Amino acid sequence: MSLNDLESHVLAYYLAGPAEELNIAGRFFPRNAIIDSVEDKMKIATRKFGRKVGAAARPGAEQFVGTLIADGGFSTKEDKFGGVMHQFQTDRYREILAGLKAADPVVAKAPTIDDPYWEATFAGLVA
């Protein structure tokens, strides 16, 4: 999935700080429930930039969770009803997050969420 500029900046902002605090209870969840939770966390993290910024969180949340699942940030099992469930893996998550942050060109421009880059950039992207 390819993200537009606003979506990629919302994801980068989340990676730059709030993603450090992600911790999902040790039980198994369906993929969509995890995406919903991450999307909500992204919206909360970006609310100071306005509703249009928060409204762009879903695609980034889907991409982020997809990467985490593919790279082992969540273990995967099939339940007895044929559904697929995922369980958060804290140690592996930290490794994946560090790699995502290091590889993201937007995070490289503003490595902390306190950087004035974010406010100016989001203002320009939603104008």
N, C-alpha and C. Protein backbone atom coordinates (compact mmCIF):
# COMPACT_ATOMS: atom_id res chain seq x y z
N MET A 1 0.85 -1.17 0.00
CA MET A 1 0.00 0.00 0.00
C MET A 1 0.89 1.24 0.00
N SER A 2 0.58 2.13 -0.86
CA SER A 2 1.33 3.37 -0.97
C SER A 2 0.57 4.48 -0.23
N LEU A 3 1.28 5.21 0.60
CA LEU A 3 0.66 6.28 1.38
C LEU A 3 0.87 7.62 0.67
N ASN A 4 -0.11 8.50 0.76
CA ASN A 4 0.09 9.85 0.24
C ASN A 4 0.94 10.64 1.25
N ASP A 5 1.27 11.89 0.91
CA ASP A 5 2.16 12.69 1.77
C ASP A 5 1.62 12.85 3.19
N LEU A 6 0.34 13.18 3.31
CA LEU A 6 -0.24 13.38 4.64
C LEU A 6 -0.21 12.08 5.43
N GLU A 7 -0.64 11.00 4.82
CA GLU A 7 -0.66 9.70 5.51
C GLU A 7 0.73 9.28 5.95
N SER A 8 1.73 9.47 5.08
CA SER A 8 3.09 9.07 5.43
C SER A 8 3.65 9.93 6.57
N HIS A 9 3.24 11.20 6.62
CA HIS A 9 3.69 12.06 7.71
C HIS A 9 3.01 11.70 9.03
N VAL A 10 1.74 11.32 8.97
CA VAL A 10 1.06 10.87 10.19
C VAL A 10 1.75 9.62 10.73
N LEU A 11 2.06 8.68 9.86
CA LEU A 11 2.76 7.47 10.30
C LEU A 11 4.13 7.82 10.85
N ALA A 12 4.87 8.69 10.17
CA ALA A 12 6.21 9.07 10.63
C ALA A 12 6.15 9.75 11.99
N TYR A 13 5.17 10.61 12.19
CA TYR A 13 5.01 11.28 13.48
C TYR A 13 4.78 10.24 14.58
N TYR A 14 3.95 9.26 14.29
CA TYR A 14 3.68 8.20 15.26
C TYR A 14 4.97 7.41 15.55
N LEU A 15 5.71 7.08 14.50
CA LEU A 15 6.96 6.35 14.68
C LEU A 15 7.97 7.15 15.50
N ALA A 16 8.00 8.47 15.30
CA ALA A 16 8.98 9.32 15.95
C ALA A 16 8.82 9.40 17.47
N GLY A 17 7.69 9.02 17.99
CA GLY A 17 7.51 9.12 19.44
C GLY A 17 6.45 8.23 20.03
N PRO A 18 5.18 8.49 19.71
CA PRO A 18 4.11 7.74 20.38
C PRO A 18 4.18 6.22 20.21
N ALA A 19 4.75 5.74 19.12
CA ALA A 19 4.84 4.28 18.91
C ALA A 19 5.69 3.60 19.96
N GLU A 20 6.57 4.36 20.60
CA GLU A 20 7.41 3.79 21.68
C GLU A 20 6.56 3.25 22.82
N GLU A 21 5.39 3.84 23.00
CA GLU A 21 4.53 3.47 24.12
C GLU A 21 3.53 2.37 23.80
N LEU A 22 3.53 1.89 22.57
CA LEU A 22 2.56 0.86 22.20
C LEU A 22 2.82 -0.42 22.98
N ASN A 23 1.79 -0.89 23.63
CA ASN A 23 1.84 -2.15 24.36
C ASN A 23 0.43 -2.72 24.35
N ILE A 24 0.27 -3.84 23.71
CA ILE A 24 -1.05 -4.44 23.55
C ILE A 24 -1.13 -5.67 24.44
N ALA A 25 -2.17 -5.77 25.23
CA ALA A 25 -2.35 -6.87 26.18
C ALA A 25 -1.96 -8.21 25.57
N GLY A 26 -1.50 -9.11 26.40
CA GLY A 26 -0.95 -10.38 25.97
C GLY A 26 -1.89 -11.40 25.37
N ARG A 27 -3.11 -11.05 25.12
CA ARG A 27 -4.01 -12.03 24.49
C ARG A 27 -4.00 -11.85 22.98
N PHE A 28 -4.69 -12.74 22.29
CA PHE A 28 -4.75 -12.71 20.83
C PHE A 28 -5.90 -11.82 20.36
N PHE A 29 -5.64 -11.09 19.27
CA PHE A 29 -6.64 -10.18 18.69
C PHE A 29 -6.71 -10.40 17.18
N PRO A 30 -7.85 -10.13 16.58
CA PRO A 30 -7.93 -10.15 15.12
C PRO A 30 -7.21 -8.92 14.55
N ARG A 31 -6.73 -9.04 13.35
CA ARG A 31 -5.97 -7.97 12.69
C ARG A 31 -6.71 -6.63 12.71
N ASN A 32 -7.99 -6.63 12.39
CA ASN A 32 -8.73 -5.37 12.33
C ASN A 32 -8.85 -4.70 13.69
N ALA A 33 -8.92 -5.46 14.75
CA ALA A 33 -8.97 -4.86 16.08
C ALA A 33 -7.64 -4.18 16.41
N ILE A 34 -6.55 -4.77 15.97
CA ILE A 34 -5.24 -4.16 16.20
C ILE A 34 -5.12 -2.88 15.37
N ILE A 35 -5.54 -2.94 14.13
CA ILE A 35 -5.51 -1.74 13.27
C ILE A 35 -6.36 -0.64 13.89
N ASP A 36 -7.56 -0.97 14.35
CA ASP A 36 -8.43 0.03 14.97
C ASP A 36 -7.75 0.68 16.17
N SER A 37 -7.10 -0.13 16.98
CA SER A 37 -6.42 0.39 18.17
C SER A 37 -5.26 1.32 17.80
N VAL A 38 -4.45 0.90 16.84
CA VAL A 38 -3.32 1.73 16.42
C VAL A 38 -3.82 3.01 15.75
N GLU A 39 -4.85 2.90 14.93
CA GLU A 39 -5.42 4.10 14.31
C GLU A 39 -5.87 5.09 15.38
N ASP A 40 -6.54 4.61 16.40
CA ASP A 40 -7.01 5.47 17.48
C ASP A 40 -5.83 6.15 18.17
N LYS A 41 -4.77 5.40 18.41
CA LYS A 41 -3.58 5.97 19.05
C LYS A 41 -2.93 7.03 18.16
N MET A 42 -2.94 6.80 16.86
CA MET A 42 -2.38 7.79 15.93
C MET A 42 -3.24 9.06 15.91
N LYS A 43 -4.55 8.90 15.94
CA LYS A 43 -5.44 10.06 15.98
C LYS A 43 -5.23 10.87 17.24
N ILE A 44 -5.11 10.20 18.35
CA ILE A 44 -4.87 10.89 19.63
C ILE A 44 -3.53 11.62 19.59
N ALA A 45 -2.51 10.97 19.07
CA ALA A 45 -1.18 11.57 19.01
C ALA A 45 -1.13 12.81 18.13
N THR A 46 -1.95 12.83 17.09
CA THR A 46 -1.89 13.94 16.13
C THR A 46 -3.02 14.95 16.30
N ARG A 47 -3.83 14.81 17.31
CA ARG A 47 -5.00 15.68 17.44
C ARG A 47 -4.65 17.15 17.54
N LYS A 48 -3.47 17.48 18.03
CA LYS A 48 -3.10 18.89 18.15
C LYS A 48 -2.89 19.55 16.78
N PHE A 49 -2.82 18.74 15.72
CA PHE A 49 -2.65 19.27 14.37
C PHE A 49 -3.97 19.41 13.62
N GLY A 50 -5.06 19.03 14.23
CA GLY A 50 -6.38 19.18 13.63
C GLY A 50 -6.99 17.88 13.14
N ARG A 51 -8.27 17.95 12.86
CA ARG A 51 -9.04 16.77 12.46
C ARG A 51 -8.60 16.16 11.14
N LYS A 52 -8.22 17.00 10.18
CA LYS A 52 -7.81 16.48 8.88
C LYS A 52 -6.57 15.59 9.00
N VAL A 53 -5.69 15.94 9.90
CA VAL A 53 -4.49 15.12 10.11
C VAL A 53 -4.90 13.78 10.72
N GLY A 54 -5.70 13.81 11.76
CA GLY A 54 -6.15 12.57 12.39
C GLY A 54 -6.95 11.69 11.45
N ALA A 55 -7.71 12.31 10.57
CA ALA A 55 -8.53 11.55 9.61
C ALA A 55 -7.67 10.76 8.62
N ALA A 56 -6.39 11.09 8.54
CA ALA A 56 -5.49 10.40 7.61
C ALA A 56 -4.74 9.25 8.27
N ALA A 57 -5.13 8.84 9.45
CA ALA A 57 -4.40 7.83 10.22
C ALA A 57 -4.61 6.40 9.75
N ARG A 58 -5.77 6.07 9.21
CA ARG A 58 -6.10 4.67 8.91
C ARG A 58 -5.09 3.97 7.98
N PRO A 59 -4.75 4.56 6.83
CA PRO A 59 -3.81 3.86 5.94
C PRO A 59 -2.45 3.60 6.59
N GLY A 60 -1.96 4.56 7.35
CA GLY A 60 -0.68 4.36 8.05
C GLY A 60 -0.78 3.27 9.10
N ALA A 61 -1.91 3.22 9.80
CA ALA A 61 -2.12 2.17 10.81
C ALA A 61 -2.15 0.80 10.14
N GLU A 62 -2.83 0.71 8.99
CA GLU A 62 -2.89 -0.56 8.27
C GLU A 62 -1.50 -1.00 7.82
N GLN A 63 -0.73 -0.06 7.29
CA GLN A 63 0.62 -0.40 6.84
C GLN A 63 1.51 -0.80 8.01
N PHE A 64 1.46 -0.05 9.10
CA PHE A 64 2.26 -0.31 10.28
C PHE A 64 1.95 -1.69 10.86
N VAL A 65 0.69 -1.98 11.05
CA VAL A 65 0.29 -3.28 11.62
C VAL A 65 0.66 -4.40 10.65
N GLY A 66 0.46 -4.20 9.37
CA GLY A 66 0.85 -5.21 8.38
C GLY A 66 2.33 -5.54 8.45
N THR A 67 3.15 -4.51 8.58
CA THR A 67 4.59 -4.71 8.71
C THR A 67 4.92 -5.45 10.00
N LEU A 68 4.29 -5.05 11.09
CA LEU A 68 4.55 -5.72 12.37
C LEU A 68 4.20 -7.20 12.30
N ILE A 69 3.07 -7.52 11.72
CA ILE A 69 2.64 -8.92 11.62
C ILE A 69 3.61 -9.69 10.72
N ALA A 70 3.95 -9.12 9.58
CA ALA A 70 4.84 -9.80 8.63
C ALA A 70 6.24 -10.03 9.20
N ASP A 71 6.70 -9.10 10.05
CA ASP A 71 8.07 -9.18 10.58
C ASP A 71 8.16 -9.80 11.97
N GLY A 72 7.06 -10.30 12.50
CA GLY A 72 7.09 -11.00 13.78
C GLY A 72 6.83 -10.15 15.01
N GLY A 73 6.34 -8.94 14.82
CA GLY A 73 5.96 -8.10 15.96
C GLY A 73 4.69 -8.61 16.64
N PHE A 74 4.01 -9.49 15.94
CA PHE A 74 2.85 -10.21 16.47
C PHE A 74 3.02 -11.67 16.07
N SER A 75 2.78 -12.58 17.01
CA SER A 75 2.71 -13.98 16.63
C SER A 75 1.34 -14.20 16.01
N THR A 76 1.23 -15.24 15.22
CA THR A 76 -0.01 -15.51 14.50
C THR A 76 -0.45 -16.94 14.74
N LYS A 77 -1.75 -17.13 14.94
CA LYS A 77 -2.30 -18.48 15.05
C LYS A 77 -3.70 -18.48 14.46
N GLU A 78 -4.11 -19.64 14.02
CA GLU A 78 -5.46 -19.80 13.52
C GLU A 78 -6.32 -20.30 14.68
N ASP A 79 -7.47 -19.65 14.89
CA ASP A 79 -8.33 -20.10 15.98
C ASP A 79 -9.20 -21.27 15.53
N LYS A 80 -9.95 -21.83 16.44
CA LYS A 80 -10.74 -23.03 16.15
C LYS A 80 -11.89 -22.77 15.19
N PHE A 81 -12.18 -21.50 14.91
CA PHE A 81 -13.26 -21.16 13.99
C PHE A 81 -12.75 -20.80 12.60
N GLY A 82 -11.45 -20.92 12.40
CA GLY A 82 -10.86 -20.64 11.09
C GLY A 82 -10.36 -19.23 10.92
N GLY A 83 -10.47 -18.41 11.94
CA GLY A 83 -9.96 -17.03 11.87
C GLY A 83 -8.50 -16.97 12.26
N VAL A 84 -7.84 -15.91 11.89
CA VAL A 84 -6.44 -15.71 12.23
C VAL A 84 -6.35 -14.66 13.32
N MET A 85 -5.58 -14.96 14.35
CA MET A 85 -5.44 -14.08 15.50
C MET A 85 -3.96 -13.77 15.70
N HIS A 86 -3.70 -12.61 16.36
CA HIS A 86 -2.32 -12.14 16.52
C HIS A 86 -2.10 -11.71 17.97
N GLN A 87 -0.88 -12.00 18.46
CA GLN A 87 -0.51 -11.63 19.82
C GLN A 87 0.76 -10.78 19.79
N PHE A 88 0.73 -9.66 20.47
CA PHE A 88 1.83 -8.71 20.52
C PHE A 88 3.08 -9.36 21.10
N GLN A 89 4.23 -9.10 20.46
CA GLN A 89 5.52 -9.62 20.90
C GLN A 89 6.43 -8.42 21.21
N THR A 90 6.51 -8.06 22.48
CA THR A 90 7.16 -6.82 22.91
C THR A 90 8.60 -6.70 22.43
N ASP A 91 9.41 -7.71 22.66
CA ASP A 91 10.83 -7.61 22.29
C ASP A 91 11.02 -7.44 20.80
N ARG A 92 10.33 -8.23 20.02
CA ARG A 92 10.45 -8.13 18.57
C ARG A 92 9.89 -6.80 18.08
N TYR A 93 8.83 -6.32 18.71
CA TYR A 93 8.26 -5.03 18.35
C TYR A 93 9.30 -3.93 18.47
N ARG A 94 10.04 -3.91 19.55
CA ARG A 94 11.06 -2.87 19.76
C ARG A 94 12.10 -2.90 18.64
N GLU A 95 12.51 -4.08 18.23
CA GLU A 95 13.48 -4.22 17.14
C GLU A 95 12.90 -3.67 15.82
N ILE A 96 11.69 -4.06 15.52
CA ILE A 96 11.05 -3.62 14.27
C ILE A 96 10.86 -2.11 14.29
N LEU A 97 10.40 -1.57 15.40
CA LEU A 97 10.18 -0.14 15.51
C LEU A 97 11.49 0.63 15.28
N ALA A 98 12.57 0.18 15.87
CA ALA A 98 13.86 0.85 15.68
C ALA A 98 14.25 0.85 14.20
N GLY A 99 14.03 -0.26 13.52
CA GLY A 99 14.33 -0.34 12.09
C GLY A 99 13.45 0.57 11.25
N LEU A 100 12.17 0.62 11.58
CA LEU A 100 11.24 1.49 10.84
C LEU A 100 11.61 2.96 11.02
N LYS A 101 11.96 3.34 12.25
CA LYS A 101 12.34 4.72 12.50
C LYS A 101 13.61 5.09 11.75
N ALA A 102 14.58 4.19 11.76
CA ALA A 102 15.86 4.46 11.09
C ALA A 102 15.70 4.57 9.59
N ALA A 103 14.75 3.83 9.03
CA ALA A 103 14.57 3.80 7.58
C ALA A 103 13.60 4.86 7.05
N ASP A 104 12.88 5.52 7.91
CA ASP A 104 11.86 6.47 7.45
C ASP A 104 12.49 7.84 7.17
N PRO A 105 12.40 8.30 5.92
CA PRO A 105 13.02 9.60 5.57
C PRO A 105 12.35 10.79 6.25
N VAL A 106 11.08 10.69 6.59
CA VAL A 106 10.41 11.79 7.28
C VAL A 106 10.88 11.87 8.72
N VAL A 107 11.02 10.73 9.37
CA VAL A 107 11.53 10.71 10.75
C VAL A 107 12.94 11.29 10.78
N ALA A 108 13.73 11.05 9.74
CA ALA A 108 15.09 11.59 9.68
C ALA A 108 15.08 13.12 9.68
N LYS A 109 14.05 13.71 9.09
CA LYS A 109 13.94 15.18 9.06
C LYS A 109 13.59 15.75 10.43
N ALA A 110 12.82 15.01 11.19
CA ALA A 110 12.36 15.47 12.50
C ALA A 110 12.29 14.27 13.45
N PRO A 111 13.42 13.93 14.06
CA PRO A 111 13.46 12.70 14.85
C PRO A 111 12.68 12.71 16.16
N THR A 112 12.17 13.88 16.59
CA THR A 112 11.36 13.92 17.81
C THR A 112 10.01 14.57 17.51
N ILE A 113 9.04 14.29 18.32
CA ILE A 113 7.71 14.86 18.10
C ILE A 113 7.63 16.31 18.55
N ASP A 114 8.65 16.80 19.23
CA ASP A 114 8.68 18.20 19.66
C ASP A 114 9.28 19.13 18.61
N ASP A 115 9.79 18.56 17.54
CA ASP A 115 10.42 19.34 16.49
C ASP A 115 9.39 20.24 15.81
N PRO A 116 9.69 21.52 15.59
CA PRO A 116 8.74 22.43 14.93
C PRO A 116 8.41 22.02 13.48
N TYR A 117 9.20 21.14 12.93
CA TYR A 117 8.95 20.63 11.57
C TYR A 117 7.52 20.11 11.43
N TRP A 118 7.04 19.39 12.44
CA TRP A 118 5.74 18.73 12.33
C TRP A 118 4.61 19.73 12.17
N GLU A 119 4.58 20.74 13.00
CA GLU A 119 3.48 21.71 12.94
C GLU A 119 3.44 22.41 11.58
N ALA A 120 4.59 22.85 11.13
CA ALA A 120 4.65 23.54 9.84
C ALA A 120 4.28 22.60 8.70
N THR A 121 4.77 21.40 8.73
CA THR A 121 4.50 20.45 7.66
C THR A 121 3.03 20.05 7.62
N PHE A 122 2.45 19.71 8.76
CA PHE A 122 1.03 19.34 8.78
C PHE A 122 0.15 20.51 8.34
N ALA A 123 0.50 21.71 8.76
CA ALA A 123 -0.28 22.88 8.34
C ALA A 123 -0.26 23.01 6.83
N GLY A 124 0.89 22.77 6.21
CA GLY A 124 0.99 22.84 4.76
C GLY A 124 0.26 21.72 4.05
N LEU A 125 0.27 20.55 4.64
CA LEU A 125 -0.35 19.39 4.00
C LEU A 125 -1.88 19.43 4.03
N VAL A 126 -2.45 20.08 5.01
CA VAL A 126 -3.91 20.12 5.10
C VAL A 126 -4.51 21.45 4.64
N ALA A 127 -3.66 22.37 4.24
CA ALA A 127 -4.15 23.70 3.80
C ALA A 127 -4.95 23.60 2.51
